[in-house]
Protein backbone atom coordinates (compact mmCIF):
# COMPACT_ATOMS: atom_id res chain seq x y z
CA UNK A 1 -122.20 -60.99 58.38
CA UNK A 2 -121.80 -61.85 62.08
CA UNK A 3 -121.20 -58.19 62.86
CA UNK A 4 -124.52 -57.28 61.22
CA UNK A 5 -126.35 -60.02 63.23
CA UNK A 6 -124.71 -58.82 66.43
CA UNK A 7 -125.67 -55.18 65.84
CA UNK A 8 -129.24 -56.16 64.90
CA UNK A 9 -129.69 -58.33 67.99
CA UNK A 10 -128.02 -55.81 70.28
CA UNK A 11 -130.32 -53.06 69.00
CA UNK A 12 -133.35 -55.32 69.45
CA UNK A 13 -132.32 -56.19 73.01
CA UNK A 14 -131.91 -52.51 73.84
CA UNK A 15 -135.37 -51.92 72.43
CA UNK A 16 -136.80 -54.69 74.63
CA UNK A 17 -137.31 -57.32 71.95
CA UNK A 18 -136.03 -60.83 72.71
CA UNK A 19 -135.03 -63.50 70.25
CA UNK A 20 -135.81 -67.13 70.98
CA UNK A 21 -132.72 -68.11 69.01
CA UNK A 22 -130.42 -65.93 71.12
CA UNK A 23 -128.81 -69.09 72.54
CA UNK A 24 -127.51 -69.92 69.07
CA UNK A 25 -125.79 -66.55 69.14
CA UNK A 26 -124.06 -67.26 72.43
CA UNK A 27 -120.98 -69.44 72.69
CA UNK A 28 -119.71 -71.43 75.64
CA UNK A 29 -116.81 -73.88 75.76
CA UNK A 30 -118.65 -76.40 77.98
CA UNK A 31 -119.02 -79.01 75.24
CA UNK A 32 -115.28 -78.95 74.57
CA UNK A 33 -114.52 -79.04 78.32
CA UNK A 34 -116.74 -82.10 78.74
CA UNK A 35 -114.90 -83.93 75.96
CA UNK A 36 -111.51 -82.85 77.36
CA UNK A 37 -112.23 -84.10 80.89
CA UNK A 38 -113.50 -87.43 79.56
CA UNK A 39 -110.38 -87.97 77.43
CA UNK A 40 -107.77 -86.91 80.03
CA UNK A 41 -107.29 -88.21 83.55
CA UNK A 42 -107.03 -84.97 85.49
CA UNK A 43 -105.56 -84.89 88.97
CA UNK A 44 -106.29 -81.65 90.80
CA UNK A 45 -103.65 -79.96 92.93
CA UNK A 46 -103.50 -76.42 94.27
CA UNK A 47 -101.04 -73.55 94.03
CA UNK A 48 -101.94 -72.95 97.69
CA UNK A 49 -100.27 -76.25 98.69
CA UNK A 50 -96.89 -76.48 96.96
CA UNK A 51 -95.78 -79.76 98.62
CA UNK A 52 -99.08 -81.33 97.54
CA UNK A 53 -98.52 -79.99 94.04
CA UNK A 54 -95.13 -81.76 93.95
CA UNK A 55 -96.74 -85.01 95.16
CA UNK A 56 -99.34 -84.68 92.40
CA UNK A 57 -96.59 -84.18 89.81
CA UNK A 58 -94.84 -87.38 90.95
CA UNK A 59 -98.01 -89.46 90.95
CA UNK A 60 -99.15 -88.17 87.57
CA UNK A 61 -95.70 -88.76 86.01
CA UNK A 62 -95.94 -92.42 87.00
CA UNK A 63 -99.53 -92.71 85.74
CA UNK A 64 -98.54 -91.09 82.44
CA UNK A 65 -95.58 -93.46 82.08
CA UNK A 66 -97.39 -96.70 83.01
CA UNK A 67 -100.86 -95.86 81.67
CA UNK A 68 -100.20 -93.66 78.64
CA UNK A 69 -103.75 -94.03 77.33
CA UNK A 70 -105.02 -92.34 80.48
CA UNK A 71 -103.46 -89.07 79.31
CA UNK A 72 -102.91 -88.26 82.99
CA UNK A 73 -102.25 -84.62 83.76
CA UNK A 74 -102.08 -82.28 86.70
CA UNK A 75 -104.66 -79.52 86.76
CA UNK A 76 -103.73 -76.80 89.24
CA UNK A 77 -106.45 -74.88 91.01
CA UNK A 78 -105.80 -71.46 92.48
CA UNK A 79 -106.91 -72.46 95.96
CA UNK A 80 -108.46 -75.33 97.91
CA UNK A 81 -112.11 -74.18 97.66
CA UNK A 82 -111.72 -74.28 93.87
CA UNK A 83 -110.74 -77.96 94.13
CA UNK A 84 -113.89 -78.55 96.18
CA UNK A 85 -116.00 -76.76 93.57
CA UNK A 86 -114.55 -78.81 90.70
CA UNK A 87 -115.12 -82.07 92.59
CA UNK A 88 -118.63 -81.09 93.70
CA UNK A 89 -119.74 -80.18 90.16
CA UNK A 90 -118.16 -83.33 88.67
CA UNK A 91 -115.77 -81.32 86.51
CA UNK A 92 -112.97 -83.45 87.88
CA UNK A 93 -112.89 -86.74 89.76
CA UNK A 94 -109.43 -86.85 91.41
CA UNK A 95 -107.51 -84.56 93.74
CA UNK A 96 -104.35 -84.64 95.83
CA UNK A 97 -105.19 -83.38 99.32
CA UNK A 98 -103.20 -83.12 102.53
CA UNK A 99 -104.63 -84.99 105.48
CA UNK A 100 -105.85 -81.70 106.92
CA UNK A 101 -107.60 -80.54 103.74
CA UNK A 102 -109.10 -83.99 103.10
CA UNK A 103 -110.58 -84.06 106.61
CA UNK A 104 -111.94 -80.51 106.33
CA UNK A 105 -113.41 -81.19 102.89
CA UNK A 106 -115.00 -84.48 103.91
CA UNK A 107 -116.54 -83.02 107.08
CA UNK A 108 -117.64 -79.78 105.41
CA UNK A 109 -115.60 -77.66 107.80
CA UNK A 110 -114.37 -74.17 106.84
CA UNK A 111 -113.36 -73.22 104.21
CA UNK A 112 -115.44 -75.99 102.59
CA UNK A 113 -118.78 -75.56 104.35
CA UNK A 114 -120.62 -74.49 101.18
CA UNK A 115 -119.58 -77.73 99.42
CA UNK A 116 -120.88 -80.12 102.07
CA UNK A 117 -121.83 -82.85 101.85
CA UNK A 118 -119.03 -83.89 99.52
CA UNK A 119 -118.40 -87.61 99.74
CA UNK A 120 -114.87 -88.41 98.70
CA UNK A 121 -113.06 -91.72 98.78
CA UNK A 122 -109.40 -92.62 99.14
CA UNK A 123 -107.37 -94.21 96.35
CA UNK A 124 -103.82 -94.03 97.73
CA UNK A 125 -102.09 -92.62 100.81
CA UNK A 126 -98.47 -91.56 101.35
CA UNK A 127 -98.75 -90.80 105.04
CA UNK A 128 -99.26 -87.06 104.49
CA UNK A 129 -101.28 -86.78 101.28
CA UNK A 130 -104.22 -88.67 99.85
CA UNK A 131 -105.32 -89.17 96.30
CA UNK A 132 -109.08 -88.82 96.68
CA UNK A 133 -111.89 -89.36 94.23
CA UNK A 134 -115.58 -88.89 93.80
CA UNK A 135 -117.51 -92.10 94.53
CA UNK A 136 -118.67 -92.30 90.90
CA UNK A 137 -115.16 -92.98 89.56
CA UNK A 138 -115.58 -96.26 87.65
CA UNK A 139 -114.49 -99.34 89.59
CA UNK A 140 -111.85 -100.31 87.00
CA UNK A 141 -110.33 -96.84 86.99
CA UNK A 142 -109.86 -96.90 90.76
CA UNK A 143 -108.32 -100.36 90.54
CA UNK A 144 -105.88 -99.37 87.77
CA UNK A 145 -104.84 -96.12 89.43
CA UNK A 146 -104.15 -97.79 92.78
CA UNK A 147 -102.36 -100.76 91.16
CA UNK A 148 -100.21 -98.51 88.99
CA UNK A 149 -99.15 -96.17 91.77
CA UNK A 150 -98.44 -99.04 94.16
CA UNK A 151 -95.95 -100.49 91.64
CA UNK A 152 -93.58 -97.80 92.89
CA UNK A 153 -94.86 -97.69 96.48
CA UNK A 154 -91.43 -97.57 98.13
CA UNK A 155 -90.19 -94.56 96.16
CA UNK A 156 -93.51 -92.75 96.52
CA UNK A 157 -93.85 -93.73 100.23
CA UNK A 158 -97.32 -95.17 99.59
CA UNK A 159 -99.11 -97.23 102.19
CA UNK A 160 -102.26 -99.31 102.13
CA UNK A 161 -105.02 -96.85 103.09
CA UNK A 162 -106.71 -99.55 105.17
CA UNK A 163 -110.28 -98.52 105.86
CA UNK A 164 -109.71 -94.93 104.78
CA UNK A 165 -109.15 -91.77 106.78
CA UNK A 166 -111.34 -89.45 108.83
CA UNK A 167 -114.45 -91.51 108.06
CA UNK A 168 -113.80 -91.62 104.31
CA UNK A 169 -114.10 -94.98 102.60
CA UNK A 170 -111.52 -96.49 100.31
CA UNK A 171 -112.77 -96.48 96.72
CA UNK A 172 -114.14 -99.97 95.88
CA UNK A 173 -111.71 -100.37 92.96
CA UNK A 174 -108.70 -99.49 95.13
CA UNK A 175 -110.05 -101.71 97.91
CA UNK A 176 -110.27 -104.62 95.44
CA UNK A 177 -106.62 -104.07 94.52
CA UNK A 178 -105.47 -103.87 98.15
CA UNK A 179 -107.46 -107.03 98.97
CA UNK A 180 -105.67 -108.91 96.16
CA UNK A 181 -108.79 -109.33 94.05
CA UNK A 182 -108.68 -109.55 90.26
CA UNK A 183 -110.95 -107.48 88.07
CA UNK A 184 -111.76 -108.18 84.45
CA UNK A 185 -111.20 -105.04 82.46
CA UNK A 186 -114.05 -103.90 80.21
CA UNK A 187 -113.77 -104.51 76.47
CA UNK A 188 -114.48 -100.89 75.63
CA UNK A 189 -113.44 -97.71 77.47
CA UNK A 190 -115.66 -96.69 80.38
CA UNK A 191 -117.06 -93.17 80.31
CA UNK A 192 -115.91 -91.07 83.25
């Protein structure tokens, strides 16, 4: 049945006839991807930065252990511009970036000039790598991520990010944690 529809529509397209319902014939996985990214806390790393990838694995392992409902996972991009693209298009909210890459991304310097302006904020800092986020990460998520990772700050070599790096702000949720504030958690899950 689908083969017959396909052949009919293909023949009509070749003849110059368009179907208004052609979109029902097409299939894209975007709806499933949207659900997946809302259900799983993805932390982007890159194959182009293997030490950063290892840092991401450590941080995500702790998040998965202490916050199992977050379903934290590492998502590895092929290269750094792909991380910028995923952050810019809101397909992911978190990334592990070296100081150098974070500065270049935030300032829109090569190889990230086509993604500028890309405001990113700091969640945690280990002296070489930053966990950065989009500013629209919910306040409570930033608080929980920072609080959870800082539970093992000595082993992970985490430091208080202070006022941020390279002009980047600290995410308000992480800042609340570092300032010793208490946040009431929402009754129902917050959409990412």
